[in-house]
N, C-alpha and C. Protein backbone atom coordinates (compact mmCIF):
# COMPACT_ATOMS: atom_id res chain seq x y z
N MET A 1 22.54 31.82 -2.71
CA MET A 1 23.57 32.45 -1.89
C MET A 1 23.07 33.78 -1.34
N SER A 2 23.56 34.17 -0.20
CA SER A 2 23.20 35.45 0.38
C SER A 2 24.19 36.50 -0.06
N GLU A 3 23.95 37.76 0.39
CA GLU A 3 24.86 38.83 0.05
C GLU A 3 26.25 38.55 0.62
N THR A 4 26.33 37.76 1.68
CA THR A 4 27.62 37.45 2.29
C THR A 4 28.25 36.21 1.68
N GLY A 5 27.53 35.55 0.79
CA GLY A 5 28.09 34.39 0.11
C GLY A 5 27.68 33.06 0.71
N SER A 6 26.89 33.04 1.79
CA SER A 6 26.48 31.78 2.39
C SER A 6 25.26 31.23 1.66
N VAL A 7 25.25 29.91 1.46
CA VAL A 7 24.16 29.27 0.74
C VAL A 7 22.91 29.24 1.60
N LYS A 8 21.82 29.76 1.09
CA LYS A 8 20.56 29.77 1.82
C LYS A 8 19.54 28.83 1.19
N PHE A 9 19.71 28.51 -0.08
CA PHE A 9 18.77 27.65 -0.76
C PHE A 9 19.51 26.88 -1.85
N THR A 10 18.85 25.86 -2.39
CA THR A 10 19.41 25.15 -3.52
C THR A 10 19.04 25.92 -4.78
N CYS A 11 20.06 26.34 -5.52
CA CYS A 11 19.82 27.15 -6.70
C CYS A 11 20.24 26.40 -7.96
N GLN A 12 19.30 26.22 -8.83
CA GLN A 12 19.60 25.66 -10.15
C GLN A 12 19.80 26.84 -11.10
N GLN A 13 21.03 27.13 -11.40
CA GLN A 13 21.37 28.31 -12.19
C GLN A 13 21.60 27.95 -13.64
N VAL A 14 20.90 28.65 -14.53
CA VAL A 14 21.15 28.54 -15.96
C VAL A 14 22.04 29.72 -16.32
N ALA A 15 23.32 29.47 -16.46
CA ALA A 15 24.30 30.55 -16.63
C ALA A 15 24.29 31.06 -18.08
N VAL A 16 23.39 31.98 -18.33
CA VAL A 16 23.30 32.62 -19.64
C VAL A 16 23.49 34.12 -19.46
N GLU A 17 23.97 34.77 -20.51
CA GLU A 17 24.17 36.22 -20.44
C GLU A 17 22.82 36.92 -20.33
N MET A 18 22.70 37.80 -19.35
CA MET A 18 21.44 38.51 -19.14
C MET A 18 21.34 39.69 -20.09
N PRO A 19 20.31 39.71 -20.94
CA PRO A 19 20.14 40.86 -21.84
C PRO A 19 19.60 42.06 -21.07
N ARG A 20 19.59 43.21 -21.71
CA ARG A 20 19.02 44.41 -21.10
C ARG A 20 17.50 44.27 -21.14
N PHE A 21 16.90 43.95 -20.00
CA PHE A 21 15.49 43.61 -19.92
C PHE A 21 14.62 44.84 -19.64
N ALA A 22 13.34 44.72 -19.90
CA ALA A 22 12.39 45.79 -19.61
C ALA A 22 12.35 46.02 -18.10
N GLY A 23 12.53 47.25 -17.68
CA GLY A 23 12.54 47.57 -16.26
C GLY A 23 13.94 47.69 -15.69
N PHE A 24 14.97 47.39 -16.48
CA PHE A 24 16.35 47.47 -16.00
C PHE A 24 16.70 48.88 -15.54
N ALA A 25 16.37 49.88 -16.37
CA ALA A 25 16.69 51.27 -16.03
C ALA A 25 15.95 51.70 -14.77
N GLU A 26 14.69 51.27 -14.63
CA GLU A 26 13.89 51.63 -13.45
C GLU A 26 14.50 51.01 -12.19
N LEU A 27 14.91 49.76 -12.28
CA LEU A 27 15.55 49.11 -11.14
C LEU A 27 16.79 49.87 -10.70
N ASN A 28 17.63 50.23 -11.65
CA ASN A 28 18.86 50.95 -11.30
C ASN A 28 18.56 52.34 -10.74
N ARG A 29 17.53 53.00 -11.30
CA ARG A 29 17.19 54.34 -10.82
C ARG A 29 16.76 54.30 -9.36
N TYR A 30 15.91 53.37 -8.99
CA TYR A 30 15.46 53.30 -7.60
C TYR A 30 16.51 52.68 -6.69
N ARG A 31 17.37 51.86 -7.24
CA ARG A 31 18.48 51.35 -6.44
C ARG A 31 19.41 52.49 -6.04
N ARG A 32 19.63 53.44 -6.95
CA ARG A 32 20.46 54.60 -6.62
C ARG A 32 19.82 55.41 -5.50
N LYS A 33 18.50 55.58 -5.54
CA LYS A 33 17.80 56.31 -4.48
C LYS A 33 17.95 55.61 -3.14
N LEU A 34 17.87 54.29 -3.15
CA LEU A 34 18.01 53.52 -1.91
C LEU A 34 19.43 53.60 -1.37
N LEU A 35 20.41 53.62 -2.27
CA LEU A 35 21.80 53.77 -1.85
C LEU A 35 22.02 55.13 -1.18
N VAL A 36 21.43 56.16 -1.75
CA VAL A 36 21.56 57.51 -1.18
C VAL A 36 20.95 57.56 0.22
N LEU A 37 19.82 56.88 0.41
CA LEU A 37 19.18 56.83 1.73
C LEU A 37 19.98 55.99 2.72
N GLY A 38 20.86 55.14 2.19
CA GLY A 38 21.65 54.28 3.06
C GLY A 38 20.92 53.04 3.55
N VAL A 39 19.81 52.69 2.89
CA VAL A 39 19.03 51.54 3.35
C VAL A 39 19.38 50.27 2.59
N ILE A 40 20.23 50.36 1.59
CA ILE A 40 20.86 49.20 0.99
C ILE A 40 22.34 49.55 0.84
N GLY A 41 23.18 48.55 0.71
CA GLY A 41 24.61 48.82 0.55
C GLY A 41 25.46 47.82 1.30
N VAL A 42 26.58 48.27 1.83
CA VAL A 42 27.52 47.42 2.55
C VAL A 42 27.82 48.07 3.90
N ASP A 43 27.76 47.27 4.98
CA ASP A 43 28.00 47.83 6.31
C ASP A 43 29.49 47.94 6.62
N ALA A 44 29.81 48.41 7.82
CA ALA A 44 31.21 48.64 8.20
C ALA A 44 32.03 47.36 8.22
N SER A 45 31.36 46.21 8.33
CA SER A 45 32.07 44.92 8.33
C SER A 45 32.24 44.35 6.94
N GLY A 46 31.75 45.09 5.94
CA GLY A 46 31.86 44.62 4.57
C GLY A 46 30.75 43.68 4.15
N VAL A 47 29.69 43.59 4.95
CA VAL A 47 28.56 42.71 4.65
C VAL A 47 27.49 43.48 3.88
N GLY A 48 27.07 42.94 2.76
CA GLY A 48 26.05 43.60 1.96
C GLY A 48 24.66 43.41 2.53
N PHE A 49 23.78 44.37 2.27
CA PHE A 49 22.39 44.25 2.74
C PHE A 49 21.45 44.94 1.75
N GLY A 50 20.26 44.39 1.63
CA GLY A 50 19.23 44.98 0.79
C GLY A 50 19.21 44.43 -0.62
N ASN A 51 18.01 44.38 -1.20
CA ASN A 51 17.83 43.93 -2.57
C ASN A 51 16.47 44.41 -3.08
N LEU A 52 16.29 44.41 -4.38
CA LEU A 52 15.01 44.82 -4.96
C LEU A 52 14.74 44.02 -6.21
N SER A 53 13.48 43.97 -6.59
CA SER A 53 13.08 43.17 -7.74
C SER A 53 11.86 43.77 -8.42
N ILE A 54 11.64 43.33 -9.65
CA ILE A 54 10.41 43.67 -10.37
C ILE A 54 9.87 42.40 -11.02
N ARG A 55 8.55 42.32 -11.10
CA ARG A 55 7.91 41.17 -11.72
C ARG A 55 8.10 41.23 -13.23
N ASN A 56 8.22 40.06 -13.84
CA ASN A 56 8.35 39.96 -15.30
C ASN A 56 6.95 39.90 -15.92
N GLY A 57 6.39 41.08 -16.19
CA GLY A 57 5.04 41.16 -16.75
C GLY A 57 4.01 40.62 -15.79
N ALA A 58 3.09 39.80 -16.29
CA ALA A 58 2.04 39.23 -15.45
C ALA A 58 2.39 37.83 -14.98
N THR A 59 3.61 37.40 -15.21
CA THR A 59 4.04 36.05 -14.84
C THR A 59 4.52 36.02 -13.39
N PRO A 60 4.72 34.82 -12.83
CA PRO A 60 5.29 34.72 -11.48
C PRO A 60 6.80 34.90 -11.48
N ARG A 61 7.40 35.07 -12.64
CA ARG A 61 8.85 35.25 -12.73
C ARG A 61 9.21 36.70 -12.37
N PHE A 62 10.46 36.90 -11.94
CA PHE A 62 10.87 38.26 -11.61
C PHE A 62 12.39 38.41 -11.72
N TYR A 63 12.80 39.67 -11.93
CA TYR A 63 14.21 40.03 -11.97
C TYR A 63 14.60 40.57 -10.60
N ILE A 64 15.75 40.13 -10.09
CA ILE A 64 16.18 40.54 -8.76
C ILE A 64 17.69 40.78 -8.75
N THR A 65 18.12 41.69 -7.91
CA THR A 65 19.55 41.94 -7.77
C THR A 65 20.27 40.66 -7.33
N GLY A 66 21.46 40.48 -7.85
CA GLY A 66 22.19 39.25 -7.59
C GLY A 66 22.91 39.24 -6.26
N SER A 67 23.31 38.06 -5.84
CA SER A 67 24.09 37.89 -4.61
C SER A 67 25.43 38.60 -4.74
N ALA A 68 25.87 39.20 -3.64
CA ALA A 68 27.18 39.87 -3.56
C ALA A 68 27.30 41.05 -4.52
N THR A 69 26.19 41.75 -4.77
CA THR A 69 26.23 42.93 -5.64
C THR A 69 25.97 44.22 -4.87
N ALA A 70 25.73 44.12 -3.56
CA ALA A 70 25.35 45.30 -2.78
C ALA A 70 26.42 46.39 -2.79
N GLY A 71 27.69 46.01 -2.96
CA GLY A 71 28.76 46.99 -2.93
C GLY A 71 29.06 47.63 -4.27
N ILE A 72 28.34 47.23 -5.31
CA ILE A 72 28.56 47.78 -6.65
C ILE A 72 27.71 49.04 -6.80
N SER A 73 28.34 50.14 -7.20
CA SER A 73 27.61 51.42 -7.26
C SER A 73 26.57 51.44 -8.37
N GLU A 74 26.86 50.89 -9.51
CA GLU A 74 25.93 50.89 -10.66
C GLU A 74 25.90 49.50 -11.27
N LEU A 75 24.75 48.86 -11.26
CA LEU A 75 24.64 47.50 -11.75
C LEU A 75 24.46 47.43 -13.25
N MET A 76 24.99 46.38 -13.83
CA MET A 76 24.80 46.05 -15.23
C MET A 76 23.79 44.92 -15.31
N PRO A 77 23.24 44.64 -16.50
CA PRO A 77 22.29 43.51 -16.61
C PRO A 77 22.84 42.21 -16.03
N ALA A 78 24.14 41.99 -16.15
CA ALA A 78 24.77 40.76 -15.65
C ALA A 78 24.71 40.66 -14.12
N ASP A 79 24.44 41.79 -13.45
CA ASP A 79 24.37 41.79 -11.98
C ASP A 79 22.98 41.44 -11.47
N TYR A 80 22.06 41.18 -12.39
CA TYR A 80 20.71 40.77 -12.03
C TYR A 80 20.50 39.31 -12.40
N ALA A 81 19.57 38.67 -11.71
CA ALA A 81 19.18 37.30 -12.05
C ALA A 81 17.68 37.28 -12.31
N LYS A 82 17.26 36.36 -13.14
CA LYS A 82 15.84 36.19 -13.42
C LYS A 82 15.38 34.89 -12.77
N VAL A 83 14.50 35.02 -11.78
CA VAL A 83 13.96 33.83 -11.12
C VAL A 83 12.81 33.30 -11.97
N VAL A 84 12.96 32.06 -12.45
CA VAL A 84 11.97 31.50 -13.38
C VAL A 84 11.12 30.41 -12.75
N ALA A 85 11.57 29.86 -11.61
CA ALA A 85 10.79 28.84 -10.90
C ALA A 85 11.29 28.76 -9.46
N TYR A 86 10.41 28.31 -8.57
CA TYR A 86 10.80 28.17 -7.17
C TYR A 86 9.88 27.17 -6.48
N ASP A 87 10.35 26.67 -5.35
CA ASP A 87 9.58 25.69 -4.57
C ASP A 87 9.92 25.91 -3.10
N PHE A 88 8.96 26.43 -2.34
CA PHE A 88 9.20 26.69 -0.93
C PHE A 88 9.50 25.41 -0.15
N VAL A 89 8.77 24.35 -0.45
CA VAL A 89 8.93 23.10 0.28
C VAL A 89 10.34 22.56 0.13
N ARG A 90 10.87 22.61 -1.07
CA ARG A 90 12.21 22.08 -1.36
C ARG A 90 13.31 23.11 -1.08
N ASN A 91 12.93 24.35 -0.72
CA ASN A 91 13.91 25.42 -0.52
C ASN A 91 14.79 25.53 -1.77
N TRP A 92 14.13 25.64 -2.89
CA TRP A 92 14.80 25.55 -4.19
C TRP A 92 14.30 26.64 -5.12
N LEU A 93 15.18 27.13 -5.97
CA LEU A 93 14.74 28.00 -7.05
C LEU A 93 15.63 27.82 -8.27
N GLU A 94 15.09 28.19 -9.39
CA GLU A 94 15.84 28.18 -10.65
C GLU A 94 15.96 29.62 -11.13
N CYS A 95 17.15 30.01 -11.50
CA CYS A 95 17.34 31.36 -12.00
C CYS A 95 18.21 31.35 -13.25
N GLU A 96 18.04 32.38 -14.04
CA GLU A 96 18.84 32.57 -15.25
C GLU A 96 19.76 33.76 -15.05
N GLY A 97 20.95 33.68 -15.60
CA GLY A 97 21.88 34.79 -15.51
C GLY A 97 23.25 34.33 -15.06
N ILE A 98 24.19 35.26 -15.12
CA ILE A 98 25.56 34.95 -14.73
C ILE A 98 25.71 34.98 -13.22
N THR A 99 24.91 35.80 -12.54
CA THR A 99 24.97 35.89 -11.08
C THR A 99 23.84 35.08 -10.45
N VAL A 100 24.06 34.63 -9.22
CA VAL A 100 23.04 33.89 -8.48
C VAL A 100 22.08 34.87 -7.84
N ALA A 101 20.80 34.54 -7.85
CA ALA A 101 19.79 35.41 -7.27
C ALA A 101 20.01 35.61 -5.78
N SER A 102 19.59 36.77 -5.27
CA SER A 102 19.71 37.10 -3.84
C SER A 102 19.09 36.03 -2.97
N SER A 103 19.64 35.89 -1.76
CA SER A 103 19.12 34.91 -0.81
C SER A 103 17.70 35.23 -0.37
N GLU A 104 17.24 36.46 -0.59
CA GLU A 104 15.88 36.84 -0.24
C GLU A 104 14.88 36.56 -1.35
N SER A 105 15.31 35.85 -2.39
CA SER A 105 14.44 35.60 -3.54
C SER A 105 13.14 34.91 -3.17
N LEU A 106 13.17 33.97 -2.23
CA LEU A 106 11.95 33.27 -1.85
C LEU A 106 10.98 34.21 -1.13
N THR A 107 11.52 35.20 -0.40
CA THR A 107 10.66 36.19 0.23
C THR A 107 9.97 37.04 -0.83
N HIS A 108 10.71 37.48 -1.83
CA HIS A 108 10.13 38.24 -2.94
C HIS A 108 9.06 37.39 -3.64
N ALA A 109 9.38 36.12 -3.86
CA ALA A 109 8.42 35.23 -4.53
C ALA A 109 7.13 35.11 -3.72
N ALA A 110 7.26 35.07 -2.39
CA ALA A 110 6.07 34.96 -1.53
C ALA A 110 5.19 36.19 -1.65
N VAL A 111 5.80 37.37 -1.80
CA VAL A 111 5.02 38.60 -1.97
C VAL A 111 4.28 38.56 -3.30
N TYR A 112 4.99 38.25 -4.37
CA TYR A 112 4.37 38.22 -5.69
C TYR A 112 3.25 37.17 -5.76
N GLU A 113 3.48 36.04 -5.10
CA GLU A 113 2.48 34.97 -5.11
C GLU A 113 1.25 35.38 -4.31
N SER A 114 1.45 36.12 -3.23
CA SER A 114 0.36 36.48 -2.33
C SER A 114 -0.46 37.67 -2.82
N ASP A 115 0.16 38.55 -3.60
CA ASP A 115 -0.53 39.74 -4.09
C ASP A 115 -0.31 39.89 -5.60
N PRO A 116 -1.29 39.48 -6.40
CA PRO A 116 -1.14 39.55 -7.86
C PRO A 116 -0.94 40.97 -8.38
N THR A 117 -1.31 41.99 -7.58
CA THR A 117 -1.14 43.38 -8.03
C THR A 117 0.28 43.88 -7.80
N ALA A 118 1.05 43.18 -6.98
CA ALA A 118 2.42 43.60 -6.69
C ALA A 118 3.31 43.39 -7.92
N ARG A 119 4.02 44.43 -8.29
CA ARG A 119 4.92 44.36 -9.44
C ARG A 119 6.35 44.70 -9.05
N ALA A 120 6.56 45.10 -7.80
CA ALA A 120 7.90 45.48 -7.35
C ALA A 120 8.03 45.24 -5.85
N VAL A 121 9.22 44.83 -5.42
CA VAL A 121 9.50 44.55 -4.02
C VAL A 121 10.85 45.15 -3.65
N ILE A 122 10.89 45.81 -2.49
CA ILE A 122 12.14 46.36 -1.96
C ILE A 122 12.38 45.76 -0.58
N HIS A 123 13.54 45.16 -0.41
CA HIS A 123 13.97 44.71 0.91
C HIS A 123 15.14 45.59 1.33
N CYS A 124 14.98 46.33 2.41
CA CYS A 124 16.01 47.28 2.83
C CYS A 124 16.22 47.20 4.34
N HIS A 125 17.17 48.01 4.83
CA HIS A 125 17.49 48.00 6.25
C HIS A 125 17.54 49.42 6.80
N ASP A 126 16.79 49.66 7.86
CA ASP A 126 16.82 50.92 8.59
C ASP A 126 16.48 50.57 10.03
N LYS A 127 17.50 50.54 10.89
CA LYS A 127 17.30 50.05 12.26
C LYS A 127 16.33 50.90 13.07
N LYS A 128 16.36 52.21 12.87
CA LYS A 128 15.46 53.08 13.64
C LYS A 128 14.02 52.88 13.21
N LEU A 129 13.79 52.84 11.89
CA LEU A 129 12.43 52.61 11.40
C LEU A 129 11.97 51.21 11.77
N TRP A 130 12.87 50.24 11.67
CA TRP A 130 12.56 48.85 12.03
C TRP A 130 12.09 48.78 13.48
N ALA A 131 12.82 49.44 14.37
CA ALA A 131 12.46 49.42 15.79
C ALA A 131 11.12 50.09 16.03
N ALA A 132 10.85 51.16 15.28
CA ALA A 132 9.59 51.89 15.44
C ALA A 132 8.40 51.08 14.94
N LEU A 133 8.60 50.30 13.88
CA LEU A 133 7.50 49.56 13.26
C LEU A 133 7.35 48.14 13.77
N LEU A 134 8.35 47.63 14.52
CA LEU A 134 8.31 46.26 15.01
C LEU A 134 7.03 46.03 15.82
N ASP A 135 6.22 45.09 15.34
CA ASP A 135 4.94 44.72 15.96
C ASP A 135 3.88 45.83 15.87
N GLU A 136 4.23 46.99 15.33
CA GLU A 136 3.22 48.03 15.06
C GLU A 136 2.69 47.85 13.64
N ALA A 137 3.59 47.56 12.69
CA ALA A 137 3.21 47.19 11.33
C ALA A 137 3.18 45.65 11.26
N PRO A 138 2.62 45.08 10.20
CA PRO A 138 2.68 43.62 10.06
C PRO A 138 4.11 43.11 10.24
N THR A 139 4.30 42.10 11.07
CA THR A 139 5.64 41.64 11.45
C THR A 139 5.72 40.12 11.43
N THR A 140 6.79 39.60 10.84
CA THR A 140 6.99 38.15 10.84
C THR A 140 7.47 37.71 12.23
N PRO A 141 7.26 36.44 12.59
CA PRO A 141 7.65 35.97 13.93
C PRO A 141 9.15 36.08 14.19
N LYS A 142 9.50 36.32 15.43
CA LYS A 142 10.90 36.49 15.81
C LYS A 142 11.73 35.23 15.63
N ARG A 143 11.09 34.09 15.58
CA ARG A 143 11.82 32.82 15.44
C ARG A 143 12.16 32.51 13.97
N VAL A 144 11.59 33.27 13.04
CA VAL A 144 11.74 32.96 11.62
C VAL A 144 12.92 33.73 11.02
N GLU A 145 13.92 33.03 10.55
CA GLU A 145 15.11 33.65 9.99
C GLU A 145 14.88 34.07 8.55
N TYR A 146 15.64 35.09 8.13
CA TYR A 146 15.51 35.58 6.76
C TYR A 146 16.11 34.57 5.78
N GLY A 147 15.64 34.64 4.54
CA GLY A 147 16.18 33.81 3.48
C GLY A 147 15.88 32.33 3.61
N THR A 148 14.83 31.99 4.37
CA THR A 148 14.48 30.58 4.58
C THR A 148 13.06 30.31 4.06
N PRO A 149 12.74 29.04 3.82
CA PRO A 149 11.36 28.72 3.44
C PRO A 149 10.36 29.17 4.50
N GLU A 150 10.77 29.08 5.77
CA GLU A 150 9.90 29.51 6.87
C GLU A 150 9.53 30.99 6.74
N MET A 151 10.48 31.80 6.28
CA MET A 151 10.18 33.21 6.06
C MET A 151 9.16 33.37 4.94
N ALA A 152 9.31 32.61 3.88
CA ALA A 152 8.36 32.68 2.77
C ALA A 152 6.95 32.32 3.25
N TYR A 153 6.85 31.27 4.06
CA TYR A 153 5.54 30.87 4.60
C TYR A 153 5.00 31.94 5.55
N ALA A 154 5.88 32.53 6.34
CA ALA A 154 5.45 33.59 7.28
C ALA A 154 4.91 34.79 6.52
N VAL A 155 5.55 35.13 5.40
CA VAL A 155 5.08 36.26 4.58
C VAL A 155 3.72 35.93 4.00
N ARG A 156 3.55 34.73 3.52
CA ARG A 156 2.24 34.35 2.97
C ARG A 156 1.15 34.44 4.05
N ARG A 157 1.48 34.07 5.29
CA ARG A 157 0.49 34.16 6.36
C ARG A 157 0.14 35.62 6.67
N LEU A 158 1.12 36.52 6.54
CA LEU A 158 0.83 37.95 6.76
C LEU A 158 -0.26 38.43 5.81
N PHE A 159 -0.24 37.91 4.60
CA PHE A 159 -1.20 38.35 3.59
C PHE A 159 -2.60 37.80 3.81
N GLU A 160 -2.76 36.95 4.80
CA GLU A 160 -4.10 36.47 5.14
C GLU A 160 -4.90 37.56 5.86
N ALA A 161 -4.21 38.57 6.39
CA ALA A 161 -4.86 39.72 7.03
C ALA A 161 -4.81 40.90 6.06
N PRO A 162 -5.81 41.79 6.09
CA PRO A 162 -5.87 42.88 5.12
C PRO A 162 -4.85 44.00 5.35
N GLU A 163 -4.29 44.11 6.57
CA GLU A 163 -3.44 45.26 6.86
C GLU A 163 -2.20 45.33 5.99
N VAL A 164 -1.56 44.18 5.73
CA VAL A 164 -0.33 44.23 4.94
C VAL A 164 -0.61 44.68 3.51
N ARG A 165 -1.75 44.34 2.97
CA ARG A 165 -2.11 44.80 1.63
C ARG A 165 -2.38 46.31 1.64
N ARG A 166 -2.95 46.79 2.73
CA ARG A 166 -3.26 48.22 2.84
C ARG A 166 -1.99 49.05 3.02
N ARG A 167 -1.11 48.63 3.91
CA ARG A 167 0.09 49.42 4.22
C ARG A 167 1.25 49.14 3.27
N LYS A 168 1.26 47.92 2.69
CA LYS A 168 2.30 47.53 1.73
C LYS A 168 3.71 47.58 2.33
N ILE A 169 3.80 47.22 3.58
CA ILE A 169 5.09 47.15 4.26
C ILE A 169 4.99 46.10 5.36
N PHE A 170 6.08 45.37 5.58
CA PHE A 170 6.13 44.48 6.74
C PHE A 170 7.55 44.43 7.28
N VAL A 171 7.63 44.01 8.55
CA VAL A 171 8.89 43.98 9.29
C VAL A 171 9.35 42.55 9.47
N MET A 172 10.65 42.32 9.31
CA MET A 172 11.22 40.99 9.54
C MET A 172 11.84 41.01 10.94
N ALA A 173 11.11 40.45 11.90
CA ALA A 173 11.49 40.59 13.31
C ALA A 173 12.86 40.00 13.61
N ALA A 174 13.21 38.88 12.98
CA ALA A 174 14.48 38.22 13.28
C ALA A 174 15.63 38.72 12.42
N HIS A 175 15.36 39.71 11.60
CA HIS A 175 16.37 40.25 10.67
C HIS A 175 16.59 41.70 11.05
N ASP A 176 17.57 41.96 11.91
CA ASP A 176 17.79 43.27 12.51
C ASP A 176 17.81 44.38 11.46
N GLY A 177 16.81 45.24 11.51
CA GLY A 177 16.72 46.34 10.56
C GLY A 177 15.96 46.01 9.29
N GLY A 178 15.60 44.75 9.11
CA GLY A 178 15.00 44.31 7.84
C GLY A 178 13.55 44.72 7.64
N LEU A 179 13.29 45.41 6.53
CA LEU A 179 11.96 45.86 6.16
C LEU A 179 11.69 45.49 4.71
N VAL A 180 10.43 45.25 4.39
CA VAL A 180 10.04 44.97 3.00
C VAL A 180 8.86 45.85 2.64
N THR A 181 8.97 46.54 1.50
CA THR A 181 7.84 47.28 0.95
C THR A 181 7.57 46.76 -0.46
N PHE A 182 6.37 46.97 -0.93
CA PHE A 182 6.01 46.48 -2.27
C PHE A 182 4.93 47.38 -2.85
N GLY A 183 4.69 47.23 -4.14
CA GLY A 183 3.66 48.05 -4.77
C GLY A 183 3.45 47.67 -6.22
N ARG A 184 2.62 48.46 -6.89
CA ARG A 184 2.33 48.18 -8.30
C ARG A 184 3.53 48.47 -9.19
N ASP A 185 4.48 49.25 -8.66
CA ASP A 185 5.74 49.52 -9.34
C ASP A 185 6.74 49.99 -8.29
N LEU A 186 7.99 50.23 -8.72
CA LEU A 186 9.00 50.66 -7.77
C LEU A 186 8.73 52.04 -7.22
N GLN A 187 8.08 52.87 -7.99
CA GLN A 187 7.74 54.21 -7.50
C GLN A 187 6.84 54.11 -6.28
N GLU A 188 5.84 53.23 -6.32
CA GLU A 188 4.95 53.08 -5.16
C GLU A 188 5.69 52.42 -4.00
N ALA A 189 6.45 51.38 -4.27
CA ALA A 189 7.18 50.69 -3.19
C ALA A 189 8.16 51.64 -2.50
N PHE A 190 8.84 52.46 -3.29
CA PHE A 190 9.78 53.43 -2.73
C PHE A 190 9.03 54.53 -1.97
N GLY A 191 7.89 54.95 -2.51
CA GLY A 191 7.08 55.96 -1.85
C GLY A 191 6.57 55.51 -0.49
N ILE A 192 6.20 54.23 -0.40
CA ILE A 192 5.76 53.67 0.89
C ILE A 192 6.87 53.79 1.92
N LEU A 193 8.09 53.43 1.51
CA LEU A 193 9.24 53.52 2.40
C LEU A 193 9.49 54.96 2.84
N LYS A 194 9.49 55.89 1.89
CA LYS A 194 9.74 57.29 2.21
C LYS A 194 8.68 57.85 3.14
N ASN A 195 7.43 57.49 2.90
CA ASN A 195 6.34 57.97 3.76
C ASN A 195 6.49 57.46 5.19
N GLU A 196 6.85 56.18 5.33
CA GLU A 196 7.03 55.61 6.66
C GLU A 196 8.21 56.28 7.36
N MET A 197 9.28 56.54 6.62
CA MET A 197 10.45 57.22 7.21
C MET A 197 10.08 58.63 7.64
N GLY A 198 9.28 59.32 6.80
CA GLY A 198 8.84 60.67 7.14
C GLY A 198 7.94 60.69 8.35
N SER A 199 7.02 59.72 8.43
CA SER A 199 6.12 59.65 9.58
C SER A 199 6.89 59.38 10.86
N HIS A 200 7.88 58.51 10.77
CA HIS A 200 8.71 58.20 11.95
C HIS A 200 9.48 59.42 12.40
N LEU A 201 10.02 60.18 11.43
CA LEU A 201 10.78 61.38 11.76
C LEU A 201 9.87 62.41 12.44
N LYS A 202 8.64 62.54 11.93
CA LYS A 202 7.70 63.47 12.55
C LYS A 202 7.38 63.05 13.98
N ASP A 203 7.21 61.74 14.19
CA ASP A 203 6.92 61.24 15.54
C ASP A 203 8.08 61.54 16.49
N VAL A 204 9.31 61.34 15.99
CA VAL A 204 10.48 61.61 16.81
C VAL A 204 10.55 63.09 17.17
N LYS A 205 10.31 63.96 16.17
CA LYS A 205 10.34 65.41 16.42
C LYS A 205 9.23 65.81 17.38
N HIS A 206 8.05 65.20 17.22
CA HIS A 206 6.92 65.51 18.10
C HIS A 206 7.26 65.13 19.53
N ARG A 207 7.84 63.94 19.72
CA ARG A 207 8.21 63.51 21.07
C ARG A 207 9.29 64.42 21.64
N HIS A 208 10.22 64.88 20.79
CA HIS A 208 11.28 65.77 21.25
C HIS A 208 10.70 67.10 21.72
N VAL A 209 9.76 67.65 20.92
CA VAL A 209 9.13 68.91 21.28
C VAL A 209 8.31 68.75 22.55
N LEU A 210 7.56 67.65 22.64
CA LEU A 210 6.73 67.39 23.82
C LEU A 210 7.60 67.26 25.06
N ASN A 211 8.69 66.51 24.95
CA ASN A 211 9.59 66.34 26.10
C ASN A 211 10.23 67.67 26.50
N SER A 212 10.58 68.48 25.47
CA SER A 212 11.17 69.78 25.74
C SER A 212 10.19 70.68 26.48
N GLU A 213 8.91 70.65 26.04
CA GLU A 213 7.88 71.46 26.69
C GLU A 213 7.64 70.98 28.13
N LEU A 214 7.68 69.65 28.33
CA LEU A 214 7.48 69.11 29.67
C LEU A 214 8.62 69.53 30.59
N ARG A 215 9.85 69.54 30.05
CA ARG A 215 10.99 69.96 30.86
C ARG A 215 10.89 71.44 31.22
N LYS A 216 10.47 72.26 30.25
CA LYS A 216 10.29 73.70 30.52
C LYS A 216 9.22 73.92 31.57
N SER A 217 8.11 73.16 31.43
CA SER A 217 7.01 73.30 32.39
C SER A 217 7.47 72.88 33.79
N SER A 218 8.27 71.81 33.82
CA SER A 218 8.78 71.33 35.11
C SER A 218 9.70 72.36 35.76
N ARG A 219 10.57 72.97 34.96
CA ARG A 219 11.49 73.99 35.50
C ARG A 219 10.72 75.21 35.98
N ALA A 220 9.69 75.59 35.17
CA ALA A 220 8.88 76.75 35.57
C ALA A 220 8.15 76.46 36.88
N GLY A 221 7.68 75.22 37.04
CA GLY A 221 6.99 74.84 38.25
C GLY A 221 7.91 74.90 39.46
N ARG A 222 9.14 74.43 39.26
CA ARG A 222 10.10 74.47 40.36
C ARG A 222 10.43 75.90 40.76
N ARG A 223 10.60 76.79 39.75
CA ARG A 223 10.91 78.19 40.05
C ARG A 223 9.76 78.85 40.80
N ALA A 224 8.53 78.57 40.38
CA ALA A 224 7.36 79.13 41.08
C ALA A 224 7.29 78.64 42.52
N LYS A 225 7.60 77.36 42.69
CA LYS A 225 7.56 76.80 44.04
C LYS A 225 8.64 77.46 44.92
N GLU A 226 9.81 77.69 44.31
CA GLU A 226 10.91 78.34 45.07
C GLU A 226 10.54 79.77 45.45
N ARG A 227 9.87 80.49 44.53
CA ARG A 227 9.45 81.87 44.82
C ARG A 227 8.44 81.91 45.96
N ARG A 228 7.54 80.92 45.99
CA ARG A 228 6.54 80.88 47.07
C ARG A 228 7.21 80.55 48.39
N ALA A 229 8.24 79.71 48.34
CA ALA A 229 8.93 79.30 49.56
C ALA A 229 9.82 80.40 50.08
N HIS A 230 10.33 81.27 49.16
CA HIS A 230 11.23 82.37 49.56
C HIS A 230 10.73 83.68 48.96
N PRO A 231 9.65 84.21 49.49
CA PRO A 231 9.07 85.45 48.93
C PRO A 231 10.01 86.64 49.11
């Protein structure tokens, strides 16, 4: 299920109580930071967006925020799901927990599968940064929808080039505002996001200053021309 409740994949859920797992506190700590930035949460229409996960040790399994939890200020272990198996071809996954895993679980799985060093994944939304990075950073095709097997395959193809491993961020072209960062832990994944946001802000300020200087130069030129015309 997605954050809005629509089924995106076949989920085989083992409904067991989720214990307080290793990394739970870290997930909540960085989730709070993302909420403060406004890159995860619930939009004006009441639709949730954004999710994050951590790998379960050295295994392909991972813990991820559950479906329809974006509006909850502080998550409990029961608000997370543990993805224990998945199949891109069948558009299927198996998860443990009381809540169903996020619809972006297959995308997270594709990152973990493609980069054995990745231990954390953040999927967030920032329309300005998304627009700035679209096709400038590694970007999935515009025809590929989020939460689908096609997205998982598209992510795996991104990892065939070295840039995505170097930058640790990619853009979901068909998912308005959708960005994914990853790293050896949530601190690195969050740091990648903050650095990209900072770089974008600097670029915006630089363009603003440059445009302001060009306008001043243009006005000065016009005044000089007027003085020459009317000595």
